[in-house]
Amino acid sequence: MDAPASFRSSLARQFDGQLRVRWSEARQEWQIEQKMRRARLSSRRIHEGTIQADDLIRSRDGYAFVLAVKPGNVTPCPRCHAPQRIPELRMHRTTCPRCRHSFLAVYYPLSDLLLEHLRYTDPYRGGLDRIIADQDRASTTVAETHRRDSRREGDAFWRDHFNQLARVRPIGYTGRERPYEH
């Protein structure tokens, strides 16, 4: 099975021929692979008992695995192989309801959106720094939200119970009421 010609040409053009897309018959998915130097590939170990056709093809051609793209938004759980629906166009941690295994998953069609994702995460173009900065920003935002919420709760408590905290005796229409008990 061949990937769309427009996607293959865009992939080759935008990544200077360093990435390729290949259909895996064994896993029934598209595999994006990166051209590697032979010295880097020789440092990767392929265990004889777990050699798969895809590993052999990559090893023979001088490529390393980058990511897999299923032909739809359903993928098997890596542990129990139960079918899981995965989110589209946004990386998300998915938990299998059957075995409770948690894994990162996303579905991108073979299109410009996948190319944009690959460019954004490309480590040779500052992708790791961008991802770490995004995570730091998200963590800072969450921490600031928690601080703000706790201040609001404290402020709301203070406003709701000001008379009790300041020991102000309430005066109603019937005159003075009983003082607060300690």
C-alpha atoms as a PDB file:
ATOM      1  CA  MET A   1       0.000   0.000   0.000  1.00  0.00           C
ATOM      2  CA  ASP A   2       1.408   3.411  -0.942  1.00  0.00           C
ATOM      3  CA  ALA A   3       0.979   6.672   0.920  1.00  0.00           C
ATOM      4  CA  PRO A   4      -0.574   9.536  -1.053  1.00  0.00           C
ATOM      5  CA  ALA A   5       2.008  10.955  -3.464  1.00  0.00           C
ATOM      6  CA  SER A   6       1.440  14.529  -2.265  1.00  0.00           C
ATOM      7  CA  PHE A   7       2.171  13.499   1.323  1.00  0.00           C
ATOM      8  CA  ARG A   8       5.325  11.579   0.346  1.00  0.00           C
ATOM      9  CA  SER A   9       6.685  14.475  -1.713  1.00  0.00           C
ATOM     10  CA  SER A  10       5.904  17.017   1.039  1.00  0.00           C
ATOM     11  CA  LEU A  11       7.574  14.777   3.624  1.00  0.00           C
ATOM     12  CA  ALA A  12      10.714  14.409   1.498  1.00  0.00           C
ATOM     13  CA  ARG A  13      10.812  18.136   0.655  1.00  0.00           C
ATOM     14  CA  GLN A  14      10.203  19.473   4.163  1.00  0.00           C
ATOM     15  CA  PHE A  15      12.624  17.095   5.890  1.00  0.00           C
ATOM     16  CA  ASP A  16      15.340  17.023   3.217  1.00  0.00           C
ATOM     17  CA  GLY A  17      14.770  13.323   2.514  1.00  0.00           C
ATOM     18  CA  GLN A  18      15.542  12.351   6.127  1.00  0.00           C
ATOM     19  CA  LEU A  19      12.041  10.964   6.773  1.00  0.00           C
ATOM     20  CA  ARG A  20      10.075   8.378   4.868  1.00  0.00           C
ATOM     21  CA  VAL A  21       6.646   6.778   5.204  1.00  0.00           C
ATOM     22  CA  ARG A  22       6.267   3.015   4.786  1.00  0.00           C
ATOM     23  CA  TRP A  23       3.300   0.659   5.111  1.00  0.00           C
ATOM     24  CA  SER A  24       3.880  -2.153   7.610  1.00  0.00           C
ATOM     25  CA  GLU A  25       2.142  -5.340   6.552  1.00  0.00           C
ATOM     26  CA  ALA A  26       2.935  -6.973   9.894  1.00  0.00           C
ATOM     27  CA  ARG A  27       1.313  -4.225  11.993  1.00  0.00           C
ATOM     28  CA  GLN A  28      -1.174  -2.856   9.446  1.00  0.00           C
ATOM     29  CA  GLU A  29      -0.092   0.760   9.952  1.00  0.00           C
ATOM     30  CA  TRP A  30       1.941   3.515   8.365  1.00  0.00           C
ATOM     31  CA  GLN A  31       5.389   3.938   9.880  1.00  0.00           C
ATOM     32  CA  ILE A  32       7.315   7.186   9.690  1.00  0.00           C
ATOM     33  CA  GLU A  33      11.032   6.452   9.789  1.00  0.00           C
ATOM     34  CA  GLN A  34      14.150   8.620   9.941  1.00  0.00           C
ATOM     35  CA  LYS A  35      17.387   8.053   8.049  1.00  0.00           C
ATOM     36  CA  MET A  36      20.179   7.323  10.527  1.00  0.00           C
ATOM     37  CA  ARG A  37      23.926   6.987  10.324  1.00  0.00           C
ATOM     38  CA  ARG A  38      25.142   3.400  10.414  1.00  0.00           C
ATOM     39  CA  ALA A  39      27.114   4.037  13.635  1.00  0.00           C
ATOM     40  CA  ARG A  40      23.927   5.104  15.433  1.00  0.00           C
ATOM     41  CA  LEU A  41      22.025   2.120  14.120  1.00  0.00           C
ATOM     42  CA  SER A  42      24.733  -0.312  15.206  1.00  0.00           C
ATOM     43  CA  SER A  43      24.391   0.947  18.794  1.00  0.00           C
ATOM     44  CA  ARG A  44      20.700  -0.045  18.787  1.00  0.00           C
ATOM     45  CA  ARG A  45      20.172  -3.622  19.830  1.00  0.00           C
ATOM     46  CA  ILE A  46      17.724  -5.843  18.057  1.00  0.00           C
ATOM     47  CA  HIS A  47      17.012  -8.860  20.226  1.00  0.00           C
ATOM     48  CA  GLU A  48      16.984 -12.037  18.192  1.00  0.00           C
ATOM     49  CA  GLY A  49      13.821 -13.331  19.849  1.00  0.00           C
ATOM     50  CA  THR A  50      11.845 -10.204  19.047  1.00  0.00           C
ATOM     51  CA  ILE A  51      12.996  -9.471  15.507  1.00  0.00           C
ATOM     52  CA  GLN A  52      10.088  -8.370  13.422  1.00  0.00           C
ATOM     53  CA  ALA A  53       9.930  -7.789   9.703  1.00  0.00           C
ATOM     54  CA  ASP A  54       9.721  -4.022  10.295  1.00  0.00           C
ATOM     55  CA  ASP A  55      12.903  -4.011  12.389  1.00  0.00           C
ATOM     56  CA  LEU A  56      14.742  -5.958   9.712  1.00  0.00           C
ATOM     57  CA  ILE A  57      13.589  -3.619   6.940  1.00  0.00           C
ATOM     58  CA  ARG A  58      14.606  -0.544   8.941  1.00  0.00           C
ATOM     59  CA  SER A  59      17.969  -2.078   9.854  1.00  0.00           C
ATOM     60  CA  ARG A  60      18.658  -3.094   6.247  1.00  0.00           C
ATOM     61  CA  ASP A  61      17.703   0.339   4.841  1.00  0.00           C
ATOM     62  CA  GLY A  62      19.397   2.421   7.583  1.00  0.00           C
ATOM     63  CA  TYR A  63      16.276   3.918   9.156  1.00  0.00           C
ATOM     64  CA  ALA A  64      14.987   4.251  12.721  1.00  0.00           C
ATOM     65  CA  PHE A  65      11.362   4.231  13.858  1.00  0.00           C
ATOM     66  CA  VAL A  66       9.789   7.648  14.584  1.00  0.00           C
ATOM     67  CA  LEU A  67       6.049   7.049  14.868  1.00  0.00           C
ATOM     68  CA  ALA A  68       3.202   4.872  13.676  1.00  0.00           C
ATOM     69  CA  VAL A  69      -0.012   6.095  12.077  1.00  0.00           C
ATOM     70  CA  LYS A  70      -2.979   3.749  12.113  1.00  0.00           C
ATOM     71  CA  PRO A  71      -5.364   3.981   9.160  1.00  0.00           C
ATOM     72  CA  GLY A  72      -8.161   5.077  11.538  1.00  0.00           C
ATOM     73  CA  ASN A  73      -8.734   6.467  15.001  1.00  0.00           C
ATOM     74  CA  VAL A  74      -8.926   3.028  16.655  1.00  0.00           C
ATOM     75  CA  THR A  75      -5.769   1.265  17.831  1.00  0.00           C
ATOM     76  CA  PRO A  76      -5.129  -1.860  19.891  1.00  0.00           C
ATOM     77  CA  CYS A  77      -3.965  -1.445  23.478  1.00  0.00           C
ATOM     78  CA  PRO A  78      -0.197  -2.143  23.604  1.00  0.00           C
ATOM     79  CA  ARG A  79      -0.690  -4.559  26.512  1.00  0.00           C
ATOM     80  CA  CYS A  80      -3.963  -6.472  26.026  1.00  0.00           C
ATOM     81  CA  HIS A  81      -4.673  -5.598  22.363  1.00  0.00           C
ATOM     82  CA  ALA A  82      -8.251  -4.513  23.081  1.00  0.00           C
ATOM     83  CA  PRO A  83      -9.391  -1.909  20.517  1.00  0.00           C
ATOM     84  CA  GLN A  84      -9.150   1.659  21.839  1.00  0.00           C
ATOM     85  CA  ARG A  85     -10.542   4.827  20.345  1.00  0.00           C
ATOM     86  CA  ILE A  86      -7.799   7.450  20.287  1.00  0.00           C
ATOM     87  CA  PRO A  87      -8.096  11.237  20.163  1.00  0.00           C
ATOM     88  CA  GLU A  88      -7.697  13.019  16.870  1.00  0.00           C
ATOM     89  CA  LEU A  89      -5.168  15.793  16.173  1.00  0.00           C
ATOM     90  CA  ARG A  90      -4.081  16.178  19.808  1.00  0.00           C
ATOM     91  CA  MET A  91      -1.695  14.019  21.848  1.00  0.00           C
ATOM     92  CA  HIS A  92      -3.510  12.559  24.834  1.00  0.00           C
ATOM     93  CA  ARG A  93      -2.849   9.937  27.485  1.00  0.00           C
ATOM     94  CA  THR A  94      -5.286   7.091  26.904  1.00  0.00           C
ATOM     95  CA  THR A  95      -6.098   4.450  29.509  1.00  0.00           C
ATOM     96  CA  CYS A  96      -7.382   1.035  28.491  1.00  0.00           C
ATOM     97  CA  PRO A  97     -10.575   0.277  30.447  1.00  0.00           C
ATOM     98  CA  ARG A  98      -9.841  -3.465  30.327  1.00  0.00           C
ATOM     99  CA  CYS A  99      -6.244  -3.687  31.617  1.00  0.00           C
ATOM    100  CA  ARG A 100      -5.798  -0.086  32.911  1.00  0.00           C
ATOM    101  CA  HIS A 101      -2.610   0.341  30.832  1.00  0.00           C
ATOM    102  CA  SER A 102      -1.917   4.010  30.110  1.00  0.00           C
ATOM    103  CA  PHE A 103      -0.239   5.142  26.888  1.00  0.00           C
ATOM    104  CA  LEU A 104       0.150   8.260  24.762  1.00  0.00           C
ATOM    105  CA  ALA A 105      -1.801   8.208  21.531  1.00  0.00           C
ATOM    106  CA  VAL A 106      -2.990  10.498  18.780  1.00  0.00           C
ATOM    107  CA  TYR A 107      -4.483  10.019  15.351  1.00  0.00           C
ATOM    108  CA  TYR A 108      -3.300  12.150  12.468  1.00  0.00           C
ATOM    109  CA  PRO A 109      -4.352  11.411   8.910  1.00  0.00           C
ATOM    110  CA  LEU A 110      -1.547  11.428   6.333  1.00  0.00           C
ATOM    111  CA  SER A 111      -1.912  15.148   5.628  1.00  0.00           C
ATOM    112  CA  ASP A 112      -0.390  18.564   6.250  1.00  0.00           C
ATOM    113  CA  LEU A 113      -1.483  18.379   9.900  1.00  0.00           C
ATOM    114  CA  LEU A 114       0.802  15.386  10.445  1.00  0.00           C
ATOM    115  CA  LEU A 115       3.654  17.234   8.720  1.00  0.00           C
ATOM    116  CA  GLU A 116       3.063  20.216  11.003  1.00  0.00           C
ATOM    117  CA  HIS A 117       3.173  17.923  14.041  1.00  0.00           C
ATOM    118  CA  LEU A 118       6.431  16.369  12.804  1.00  0.00           C
ATOM    119  CA  ARG A 119       7.986  19.805  12.221  1.00  0.00           C
ATOM    120  CA  TYR A 120       6.875  21.001  15.672  1.00  0.00           C
ATOM    121  CA  THR A 121       8.378  17.988  17.468  1.00  0.00           C
ATOM    122  CA  ASP A 122      11.502  17.633  15.287  1.00  0.00           C
ATOM    123  CA  PRO A 123      14.469  17.537  17.721  1.00  0.00           C
ATOM    124  CA  TYR A 124      16.830  18.892  15.046  1.00  0.00           C
ATOM    125  CA  ARG A 125      14.694  22.023  14.737  1.00  0.00           C
ATOM    126  CA  GLY A 126      14.275  22.793  18.445  1.00  0.00           C
ATOM    127  CA  GLY A 127      11.256  20.548  18.948  1.00  0.00           C
ATOM    128  CA  LEU A 128      12.309  19.200  22.345  1.00  0.00           C
ATOM    129  CA  ASP A 129      12.870  22.728  23.652  1.00  0.00           C
ATOM    130  CA  ARG A 130       9.405  23.749  22.403  1.00  0.00           C
ATOM    131  CA  ILE A 131       7.752  20.751  24.020  1.00  0.00           C
ATOM    132  CA  ILE A 132       9.522  21.320  27.347  1.00  0.00           C
ATOM    133  CA  ALA A 133       8.640  25.034  27.249  1.00  0.00           C
ATOM    134  CA  ASP A 134       4.984  24.167  26.548  1.00  0.00           C
ATOM    135  CA  GLN A 135       4.929  21.737  29.467  1.00  0.00           C
ATOM    136  CA  ASP A 136       6.545  24.330  31.746  1.00  0.00           C
ATOM    137  CA  ARG A 137       3.966  26.921  30.686  1.00  0.00           C
ATOM    138  CA  ALA A 138       1.146  24.464  31.300  1.00  0.00           C
ATOM    139  CA  SER A 139       2.539  23.555  34.753  1.00  0.00           C
ATOM    140  CA  THR A 140       2.928  27.233  35.635  1.00  0.00           C
ATOM    141  CA  THR A 141      -0.625  27.933  34.494  1.00  0.00           C
ATOM    142  CA  VAL A 142      -2.003  25.061  36.591  1.00  0.00           C
ATOM    143  CA  ALA A 143      -0.010  26.151  39.665  1.00  0.00           C
ATOM    144  CA  GLU A 144      -1.127  29.764  39.248  1.00  0.00           C
ATOM    145  CA  THR A 145      -4.753  28.645  38.886  1.00  0.00           C
ATOM    146  CA  HIS A 146      -4.506  26.646  42.126  1.00  0.00           C
ATOM    147  CA  ARG A 147      -2.978  29.643  43.951  1.00  0.00           C
ATOM    148  CA  ARG A 148      -5.659  31.963  42.598  1.00  0.00           C
ATOM    149  CA  ASP A 149      -8.449  29.557  43.553  1.00  0.00           C
ATOM    150  CA  SER A 150      -7.128  29.153  47.092  1.00  0.00           C
ATOM    151  CA  ARG A 151      -6.897  32.953  47.473  1.00  0.00           C
ATOM    152  CA  ARG A 152     -10.476  33.271  46.236  1.00  0.00           C
ATOM    153  CA  GLU A 153     -11.655  30.623  48.695  1.00  0.00           C
ATOM    154  CA  GLY A 154      -9.852  32.386  51.551  1.00  0.00           C
ATOM    155  CA  ASP A 155     -11.234  35.750  50.466  1.00  0.00           C
ATOM    156  CA  ALA A 156     -14.756  34.326  50.178  1.00  0.00           C
ATOM    157  CA  PHE A 157     -14.491  32.741  53.635  1.00  0.00           C
ATOM    158  CA  TRP A 158     -13.230  35.990  55.114  1.00  0.00           C
ATOM    159  CA  ARG A 159     -16.061  38.007  53.546  1.00  0.00           C
ATOM    160  CA  ASP A 160     -18.750  35.489  54.526  1.00  0.00           C
ATOM    161  CA  HIS A 161     -17.595  35.288  58.154  1.00  0.00           C
ATOM    162  CA  PHE A 162     -16.305  38.826  58.750  1.00  0.00           C
ATOM    163  CA  ASN A 163     -18.755  39.565  61.569  1.00  0.00           C
ATOM    164  CA  GLN A 164     -17.784  36.415  63.444  1.00  0.00           C
ATOM    165  CA  LEU A 165     -14.052  36.986  62.904  1.00  0.00           C
ATOM    166  CA  ALA A 166     -14.238  40.643  63.995  1.00  0.00           C
ATOM    167  CA  ARG A 167     -16.673  39.774  66.820  1.00  0.00           C
ATOM    168  CA  VAL A 168     -19.229  42.242  65.575  1.00  0.00           C
ATOM    169  CA  ARG A 169     -22.538  41.670  67.311  1.00  0.00           C
ATOM    170  CA  PRO A 170     -25.402  41.467  64.872  1.00  0.00           C
ATOM    171  CA  ILE A 171     -28.309  43.838  65.412  1.00  0.00           C
ATOM    172  CA  GLY A 172     -31.641  42.826  63.990  1.00  0.00           C
ATOM    173  CA  TYR A 173     -35.083  44.373  63.928  1.00  0.00           C
ATOM    174  CA  THR A 174     -35.825  42.978  67.357  1.00  0.00           C
ATOM    175  CA  GLY A 175     -32.822  44.604  68.972  1.00  0.00           C
ATOM    176  CA  ARG A 176     -29.522  43.083  70.018  1.00  0.00           C
ATOM    177  CA  GLU A 177     -29.118  39.375  69.540  1.00  0.00           C
ATOM    178  CA  ARG A 178     -27.065  36.977  71.629  1.00  0.00           C
ATOM    179  CA  PRO A 179     -23.302  37.434  71.406  1.00  0.00           C
ATOM    180  CA  TYR A 180     -21.240  34.822  69.615  1.00  0.00           C
ATOM    181  CA  GLU A 181     -20.226  31.827  71.632  1.00  0.00           C
ATOM    182  CA  HIS A 182     -16.555  30.878  71.692  1.00  0.00           C
END
